[in-house]
């Protein structure tokens, strides 16, 4: 009961943060559409923030306008508030709800860089060994775009990410190690169709023998239908080298649909999507640890882009 109350309280806080952020960026976007900002008086810091949306526009005009997939991290630069939630069914009969799923605020501080300031996810497991608590916190991801061209100039993008995760989770959900995750990502468009893919390896800074390395790859096939419909199909793979799942490869398939970008005001747009993820490999085993990590999951994603 206490776990459910904590999860609901955390969900309430996430909704409040999203609503506050939406109100802020709506106001900022309206201000941008109005009179020009006052001169910065030669102050470089004031000038930097006064030109923020000009840089964001320049960064996004020089890349394709694809939609960020449901599970695959896009190589494009985005500026948005994002909230995701997972409802997972485990092979041992347990159910796991992941609130927020480690998403948060994404900003574009330069014309080729994005910073992701993520919120920690809250996890609740029921039916089998019920428990709840915070997961480890991937508090920062730095995304650097190397190459890009919009739909009129080549329709592609290549980027690199560097993620940082702290072992702040509850005892049952933490891996007890700081993690650094380098990732390479790329995408190519063909008219209304695009392919976006990533390949990354989380590197534990301690307990490496117990954790192992999880080589993670994702490929999203996406189509833009009409104005607001973005149907997609993703393949999400993890291959473990070392650790309790050494040598195993987990593969999920994720069909989904994203709707957006619905204009709210000025630059501010609303996006919502849902996907159904299900495991196709390997055959279920429960020892030494549960593999695949879950049988299937519903995924909800809600975003306010600005």
Protein backbone atom coordinates (compact mmCIF):
# COMPACT_ATOMS: atom_id res chain seq x y z
CA UNK A 1 0.00 0.00 0.00
CA UNK A 2 2.81 2.42 0.90
CA UNK A 3 4.54 1.61 -2.40
CA UNK A 4 1.40 2.44 -4.36
CA UNK A 5 0.92 5.70 -2.47
CA UNK A 6 4.55 6.63 -3.13
CA UNK A 7 4.19 5.77 -6.82
CA UNK A 8 1.02 7.87 -7.09
CA UNK A 9 2.71 10.75 -5.30
CA UNK A 10 5.67 10.52 -7.69
CA UNK A 11 3.32 10.44 -10.69
CA UNK A 12 1.58 13.52 -9.32
CA UNK A 13 4.91 15.31 -9.06
CA UNK A 14 5.80 14.35 -12.64
CA UNK A 15 2.47 15.69 -13.93
CA UNK A 16 3.01 18.92 -12.01
CA UNK A 17 6.51 19.29 -13.46
CA UNK A 18 5.23 18.65 -17.00
CA UNK A 19 2.36 21.10 -16.57
CA UNK A 20 4.66 23.76 -15.16
CA UNK A 21 7.17 23.21 -17.93
CA UNK A 22 4.45 23.40 -20.58
CA UNK A 23 3.21 26.68 -19.12
CA UNK A 24 6.77 28.05 -19.06
CA UNK A 25 7.66 27.12 -22.63
CA UNK A 26 4.26 28.31 -23.90
CA UNK A 27 4.95 31.68 -22.33
CA UNK A 28 8.45 31.71 -23.77
CA UNK A 29 7.19 30.82 -27.23
CA UNK A 30 4.54 33.54 -27.09
CA UNK A 31 7.17 36.03 -25.97
CA UNK A 32 9.34 34.98 -28.90
CA UNK A 33 6.50 35.68 -31.34
CA UNK A 34 6.05 39.14 -29.86
CA UNK A 35 8.37 42.14 -29.88
CA UNK A 36 12.10 41.53 -30.08
CA UNK A 37 13.94 41.09 -26.79
CA UNK A 38 15.57 44.17 -25.33
CA UNK A 39 19.25 44.65 -26.25
CA UNK A 40 21.60 42.82 -23.90
CA UNK A 41 23.71 45.94 -23.40
CA UNK A 42 26.87 44.09 -24.41
CA UNK A 43 26.44 41.43 -21.73
CA UNK A 44 27.47 38.14 -23.43
CA UNK A 45 25.46 35.99 -20.99
CA UNK A 46 22.29 37.99 -21.52
CA UNK A 47 22.94 37.95 -25.26
CA UNK A 48 23.34 34.17 -25.23
CA UNK A 49 19.96 33.59 -23.61
CA UNK A 50 18.27 36.29 -25.71
CA UNK A 51 19.32 34.38 -28.84
CA UNK A 52 18.37 30.94 -27.46
CA UNK A 53 15.43 30.22 -29.77
CA UNK A 54 17.34 31.52 -32.79
CA UNK A 55 19.99 28.84 -32.16
CA UNK A 56 17.32 26.18 -31.62
CA UNK A 57 15.66 27.11 -34.91
CA UNK A 58 19.01 27.02 -36.75
CA UNK A 59 19.87 23.62 -35.23
CA UNK A 60 16.52 22.08 -36.18
CA UNK A 61 16.35 23.61 -39.66
CA UNK A 62 19.63 21.86 -40.52
CA UNK A 63 18.33 18.34 -39.74
CA UNK A 64 15.37 16.14 -40.76
CA UNK A 65 12.03 16.74 -39.05
CA UNK A 66 11.39 13.09 -38.18
CA UNK A 67 9.62 12.12 -34.99
CA UNK A 68 11.58 10.80 -31.99
CA UNK A 69 10.71 7.05 -31.77
CA UNK A 70 9.07 5.47 -28.73
CA UNK A 71 12.05 3.41 -27.50
CA UNK A 72 14.97 4.32 -29.77
CA UNK A 73 16.78 7.56 -28.88
CA UNK A 74 16.78 9.80 -31.93
CA UNK A 75 20.08 11.08 -33.37
CA UNK A 76 18.28 14.40 -34.02
CA UNK A 77 18.45 17.34 -31.63
CA UNK A 78 15.21 17.93 -29.71
CA UNK A 79 14.07 20.53 -27.19
CA UNK A 80 11.19 19.26 -25.07
CA UNK A 81 9.82 18.02 -21.78
CA UNK A 82 9.23 14.26 -21.97
CA UNK A 83 7.42 11.77 -19.75
CA UNK A 84 7.39 7.99 -20.44
CA UNK A 85 5.70 5.16 -18.53
CA UNK A 86 6.13 1.39 -18.87
CA UNK A 87 3.74 -1.40 -17.78
CA UNK A 88 5.80 -4.61 -17.91
CA UNK A 89 4.75 -8.26 -17.56
CA UNK A 90 7.59 -10.50 -16.35
CA UNK A 91 8.07 -14.14 -17.25
CA UNK A 92 7.74 -15.15 -13.58
CA UNK A 93 4.26 -13.64 -13.32
CA UNK A 94 5.25 -10.33 -11.74
CA UNK A 95 4.09 -6.94 -13.00
CA UNK A 96 6.37 -3.88 -13.02
CA UNK A 97 5.25 -0.29 -13.46
CA UNK A 98 8.01 2.22 -14.25
CA UNK A 99 6.94 5.80 -13.67
CA UNK A 100 8.74 8.45 -15.76
CA UNK A 101 11.26 5.87 -17.09
CA UNK A 102 14.16 8.29 -16.66
CA UNK A 103 13.01 11.08 -19.01
CA UNK A 104 12.86 14.81 -18.38
CA UNK A 105 14.07 18.09 -19.86
CA UNK A 106 15.92 18.22 -23.20
CA UNK A 107 17.63 21.46 -24.25
CA UNK A 108 19.62 22.64 -27.28
CA UNK A 109 22.34 25.02 -25.96
CA UNK A 110 24.30 25.16 -29.26
CA UNK A 111 23.47 24.50 -32.90
CA UNK A 112 25.02 21.00 -32.71
CA UNK A 113 24.56 19.95 -29.05
CA UNK A 114 21.70 18.70 -26.87
CA UNK A 115 21.68 18.21 -23.09
CA UNK A 116 19.19 15.78 -21.49
CA UNK A 117 18.50 16.41 -17.80
CA UNK A 118 16.58 13.29 -16.82
CA UNK A 119 14.48 12.65 -13.73
CA UNK A 120 14.95 9.41 -11.77
CA UNK A 121 12.43 6.66 -12.49
CA UNK A 122 10.22 5.18 -9.78
CA UNK A 123 9.55 1.42 -10.04
CA UNK A 124 6.78 -0.66 -8.49
CA UNK A 125 6.71 -4.49 -8.69
CA UNK A 126 3.53 -6.39 -7.78
CA UNK A 127 2.21 -10.00 -7.62
CA UNK A 128 5.63 -11.68 -7.20
CA UNK A 129 7.96 -10.31 -4.49
CA UNK A 130 6.11 -6.96 -4.28
CA UNK A 131 8.38 -3.97 -3.73
CA UNK A 132 8.88 -0.42 -4.91
CA UNK A 133 11.52 2.28 -4.98
CA UNK A 134 13.73 4.50 -7.08
CA UNK A 135 15.83 3.12 -9.92
CA UNK A 136 19.40 4.20 -10.64
CA UNK A 137 19.46 7.72 -12.05
CA UNK A 138 20.79 8.53 -15.53
CA UNK A 139 20.88 12.21 -14.64
CA UNK A 140 22.65 13.57 -17.72
CA UNK A 141 23.09 12.70 -21.38
CA UNK A 142 25.21 14.83 -23.69
CA UNK A 143 24.31 14.51 -27.38
CA UNK A 144 26.70 15.85 -30.02
CA UNK A 145 25.52 15.97 -33.62
CA UNK A 146 28.37 15.32 -36.07
CA UNK A 147 26.65 15.43 -39.47
CA UNK A 148 23.17 16.42 -40.60
CA UNK A 149 21.14 17.56 -43.57
CA UNK A 150 17.44 18.38 -43.81
CA UNK A 151 15.00 16.75 -46.22
CA UNK A 152 16.05 19.07 -49.06
CA UNK A 153 19.80 18.50 -48.67
CA UNK A 154 20.33 14.78 -48.04
CA UNK A 155 17.90 13.79 -45.25
CA UNK A 156 20.35 12.24 -42.75
CA UNK A 157 21.91 12.74 -39.33
CA UNK A 158 24.81 11.22 -37.35
CA UNK A 159 25.34 11.86 -33.63
CA UNK A 160 27.12 10.59 -30.54
CA UNK A 161 25.82 10.43 -26.95
CA UNK A 162 27.51 10.16 -23.58
CA UNK A 163 25.26 9.20 -20.66
CA UNK A 164 26.04 9.35 -16.93
CA UNK A 165 24.17 7.19 -14.39
CA UNK A 166 24.44 7.32 -10.60
CA UNK A 167 23.77 4.28 -8.30
CA UNK A 168 21.03 6.09 -6.36
CA UNK A 169 18.34 3.42 -6.64
CA UNK A 170 16.75 1.35 -3.90
CA UNK A 171 18.69 -1.76 -2.90
CA UNK A 172 16.49 -4.07 -4.98
CA UNK A 173 16.80 -1.94 -8.16
CA UNK A 174 20.39 -0.65 -8.12
CA UNK A 175 23.50 -2.13 -9.71
CA UNK A 176 25.72 -0.37 -7.09
CA UNK A 177 27.91 1.23 -9.73
CA UNK A 178 28.32 4.49 -11.57
CA UNK A 179 27.81 3.95 -15.31
CA UNK A 180 29.04 5.82 -18.38
CA UNK A 181 27.33 4.96 -21.67
CA UNK A 182 28.87 6.03 -25.00
CA UNK A 183 26.47 5.63 -27.94
CA UNK A 184 26.65 6.20 -31.68
CA UNK A 185 23.42 7.03 -33.52
CA UNK A 186 22.45 7.66 -37.13
CA UNK A 187 19.40 8.07 -39.32
CA UNK A 188 18.48 8.30 -43.00
CA UNK A 189 15.24 9.40 -44.60
CA UNK A 190 13.66 8.34 -47.86
CA UNK A 191 10.74 10.65 -48.54
CA UNK A 192 8.16 10.06 -45.80
CA UNK A 193 10.00 6.96 -44.56
CA UNK A 194 13.01 7.04 -42.24
CA UNK A 195 15.32 4.66 -40.36
CA UNK A 196 16.88 5.68 -37.01
CA UNK A 197 19.37 3.47 -35.15
CA UNK A 198 21.64 3.49 -32.09
CA UNK A 199 24.43 1.30 -30.70
CA UNK A 200 25.72 1.78 -27.15
CA UNK A 201 27.65 0.02 -24.38
CA UNK A 202 27.09 0.93 -20.70
CA UNK A 203 30.46 0.84 -18.92
CA UNK A 204 30.31 0.14 -15.15
CA UNK A 205 32.98 1.92 -13.11
CA UNK A 206 32.88 -0.77 -10.41
CA UNK A 207 31.47 -4.31 -9.89
CA UNK A 208 32.26 -4.97 -13.56
CA UNK A 209 32.51 -8.75 -13.12
CA UNK A 210 29.07 -8.93 -11.49
CA UNK A 211 27.35 -6.53 -13.89
CA UNK A 212 29.01 -7.39 -17.19
CA UNK A 213 28.50 -5.32 -20.33
CA UNK A 214 25.15 -4.93 -22.08
CA UNK A 215 25.71 -4.08 -25.75
CA UNK A 216 22.49 -2.32 -26.73
CA UNK A 217 21.21 -1.76 -30.27
CA UNK A 218 17.97 -0.23 -31.50
CA UNK A 219 16.53 0.23 -34.99
CA UNK A 220 13.31 2.18 -35.66
CA UNK A 221 11.47 2.11 -39.00
CA UNK A 222 9.08 5.04 -39.20
CA UNK A 223 6.60 6.48 -41.70
CA UNK A 224 4.93 9.90 -41.75
CA UNK A 225 1.29 9.46 -42.68
CA UNK A 226 -0.75 12.58 -43.32
CA UNK A 227 -0.01 15.47 -40.97
CA UNK A 228 -0.04 13.97 -37.48
CA UNK A 229 0.38 10.17 -37.78
CA UNK A 230 3.78 8.49 -37.31
CA UNK A 231 3.39 4.68 -37.32
CA UNK A 232 6.60 2.82 -36.56
CA UNK A 233 8.18 -0.56 -35.90
CA UNK A 234 11.26 -0.95 -33.69
CA UNK A 235 13.71 -3.74 -32.93
CA UNK A 236 15.42 -3.40 -29.52
CA UNK A 237 18.35 -5.72 -28.72
CA UNK A 238 20.68 -6.31 -25.77
CA UNK A 239 23.64 -8.71 -25.89
CA UNK A 240 25.31 -9.43 -22.55
CA UNK A 241 29.04 -10.05 -22.26
CA UNK A 242 29.96 -11.11 -18.75
CA UNK A 243 27.75 -10.98 -15.70
CA UNK A 244 24.85 -13.34 -14.86
CA UNK A 245 23.40 -13.19 -18.41
CA UNK A 246 26.75 -13.75 -20.17
CA UNK A 247 26.36 -14.78 -23.81
CA UNK A 248 22.59 -14.21 -24.00
CA UNK A 249 20.87 -11.89 -26.46
CA UNK A 250 17.51 -10.35 -25.69
CA UNK A 251 15.40 -9.10 -28.61
CA UNK A 252 12.19 -7.08 -28.38
CA UNK A 253 9.88 -6.00 -31.20
CA UNK A 254 7.95 -2.77 -30.68
CA UNK A 255 5.15 -1.67 -33.02
CA UNK A 256 3.77 1.73 -32.11
CA UNK A 257 2.02 4.91 -33.17
CA UNK A 258 2.97 8.51 -32.36
CA UNK A 259 0.61 11.44 -32.88
CA UNK A 260 1.88 14.99 -33.29
CA UNK A 261 3.10 17.65 -33.54
CA UNK A 262 -0.08 19.43 -32.37
CA UNK A 263 0.50 23.17 -32.08
CA UNK A 264 -0.33 24.70 -28.70
CA UNK A 265 1.09 28.23 -29.02
CA UNK A 266 4.08 29.71 -30.80
CA UNK A 267 6.82 27.09 -30.90
CA UNK A 268 5.11 24.85 -28.35
CA UNK A 269 3.75 21.54 -29.67
CA UNK A 270 2.20 18.46 -28.03
CA UNK A 271 3.13 14.84 -28.89
CA UNK A 272 1.73 11.55 -27.59
CA UNK A 273 2.53 7.97 -28.51
CA UNK A 274 1.89 4.38 -27.47
CA UNK A 275 3.74 1.16 -28.24
CA UNK A 276 3.48 -2.54 -27.43
CA UNK A 277 6.83 -4.20 -26.79
CA UNK A 278 7.20 -8.00 -26.69
CA UNK A 279 10.14 -10.36 -26.34
CA UNK A 280 11.00 -12.81 -29.12
CA UNK A 281 14.39 -14.03 -27.82
CA UNK A 282 15.84 -15.82 -25.89
CA UNK A 283 13.77 -18.68 -24.53
CA UNK A 284 12.58 -17.84 -21.01
CA UNK A 285 14.92 -18.84 -18.19
CA UNK A 286 14.69 -17.93 -14.51
CA UNK A 287 18.19 -18.90 -13.38
CA UNK A 288 20.66 -17.50 -12.60
CA UNK A 289 18.52 -14.42 -13.36
CA UNK A 290 15.28 -13.83 -15.25
CA UNK A 291 15.94 -13.62 -19.02
CA UNK A 292 14.47 -11.91 -20.97
CA UNK A 293 14.10 -9.21 -18.34
CA UNK A 294 10.36 -9.04 -19.14
CA UNK A 295 7.93 -10.71 -21.56
CA UNK A 296 6.22 -7.60 -22.82
CA UNK A 297 5.29 -4.05 -22.01
CA UNK A 298 2.93 -1.25 -22.91
CA UNK A 299 4.77 2.07 -23.35
CA UNK A 300 3.25 5.56 -23.13
CA UNK A 301 5.19 8.65 -24.16
CA UNK A 302 4.02 12.25 -23.70
CA UNK A 303 6.07 15.23 -24.83
CA UNK A 304 5.87 19.02 -24.98
CA UNK A 305 8.30 20.31 -27.62
CA UNK A 306 9.33 23.95 -27.77
